[in-house]
Protein backbone atom coordinates (compact mmCIF):
# COMPACT_ATOMS: atom_id res chain seq x y z
CA UNK A 1 184.08 92.95 30.62
CA UNK A 2 180.88 94.33 29.14
CA UNK A 3 179.26 90.91 28.90
CA UNK A 4 180.26 90.05 32.48
CA UNK A 5 178.79 93.34 33.69
CA UNK A 6 175.47 92.63 31.91
CA UNK A 7 175.31 89.12 33.38
CA UNK A 8 176.11 90.46 36.87
CA UNK A 9 173.38 93.12 36.57
CA UNK A 10 170.85 90.52 35.44
CA UNK A 11 171.73 88.24 38.37
CA UNK A 12 171.53 91.10 40.87
CA UNK A 13 168.18 92.19 39.41
CA UNK A 14 166.84 88.65 39.71
CA UNK A 15 167.93 88.41 43.33
CA UNK A 16 166.31 91.73 44.14
CA UNK A 17 163.04 90.68 42.48
CA UNK A 18 163.04 87.33 44.28
CA UNK A 19 163.63 89.04 47.62
CA UNK A 20 160.88 91.59 47.09
CA UNK A 21 158.35 88.99 45.96
CA UNK A 22 159.13 86.59 48.80
CA UNK A 23 158.63 89.28 51.44
CA UNK A 24 155.24 90.44 50.15
CA UNK A 25 153.04 90.71 53.23
CA UNK A 26 150.29 88.15 53.47
CA UNK A 27 147.46 87.87 55.96
CA UNK A 28 147.40 85.69 59.02
CA UNK A 29 146.75 82.06 58.13
CA UNK A 30 147.31 82.77 54.43
CA UNK A 31 148.36 79.45 52.83
CA UNK A 32 150.82 81.34 50.61
CA UNK A 33 152.59 82.93 53.56
CA UNK A 34 155.85 81.62 54.96
CA UNK A 35 156.03 84.13 57.82
CA UNK A 36 155.41 83.02 61.44
CA UNK A 37 151.66 83.75 61.21
CA UNK A 38 151.22 82.13 57.80
CA UNK A 39 150.08 78.61 57.15
CA UNK A 40 152.09 77.55 54.10
CA UNK A 41 153.51 74.50 55.86
CA UNK A 42 150.04 73.28 56.84
CA UNK A 43 148.77 73.92 53.31
CA UNK A 44 151.63 71.87 51.84
CA UNK A 45 150.98 69.00 54.26
CA UNK A 46 147.29 69.00 53.35
CA UNK A 47 148.13 69.00 49.62
CA UNK A 48 150.43 66.00 50.14
CA UNK A 49 147.45 64.17 51.65
CA UNK A 50 145.24 64.91 48.66
CA UNK A 51 143.29 67.86 50.07
CA UNK A 52 142.43 70.49 47.48
CA UNK A 53 142.93 74.03 48.75
CA UNK A 54 141.28 77.08 47.26
CA UNK A 55 142.23 80.53 48.51
CA UNK A 56 139.26 82.89 48.63
CA UNK A 57 139.79 86.48 49.69
CA UNK A 58 136.31 87.80 48.94
CA UNK A 59 132.79 86.67 49.75
CA UNK A 60 132.07 85.97 46.08
CA UNK A 61 135.18 83.77 45.79
CA UNK A 62 134.27 81.87 48.96
CA UNK A 63 130.69 81.38 47.83
CA UNK A 64 131.79 80.11 44.42
CA UNK A 65 134.29 77.69 45.97
CA UNK A 66 131.95 76.03 48.46
CA UNK A 67 129.63 73.07 48.09
CA UNK A 68 128.11 70.53 50.52
CA UNK A 69 131.40 68.60 50.82
CA UNK A 70 133.55 71.67 51.46
CA UNK A 71 135.11 72.89 54.68
CA UNK A 72 135.40 76.68 54.81
CA UNK A 73 137.99 78.22 57.13
CA UNK A 74 137.33 81.85 58.03
CA UNK A 75 140.60 83.20 59.44
CA UNK A 76 139.12 86.43 60.84
CA UNK A 77 135.42 85.88 61.59
CA UNK A 78 135.19 89.18 63.50
CA UNK A 79 135.60 90.98 60.18
CA UNK A 80 132.47 89.36 58.73
CA UNK A 81 129.26 91.35 58.45
CA UNK A 82 125.78 89.96 58.95
């Protein structure tokens, strides 16, 4: 019984962790997000077509990830400063 209890606790713990991690709030249009405002499905379709996606959440990350052949999507342009 002890071994079965340990296995059951491990399984329950794993399910709890998976649930908590999968419901982590993401921003609108976040390619990691599976919620109604996320864009995971679009990101997966683009990846299947050979498009390389890079998530940038800061100006420095976006600047480092861009070059002349890059398309940059700004999900919330109203939040940008001059």
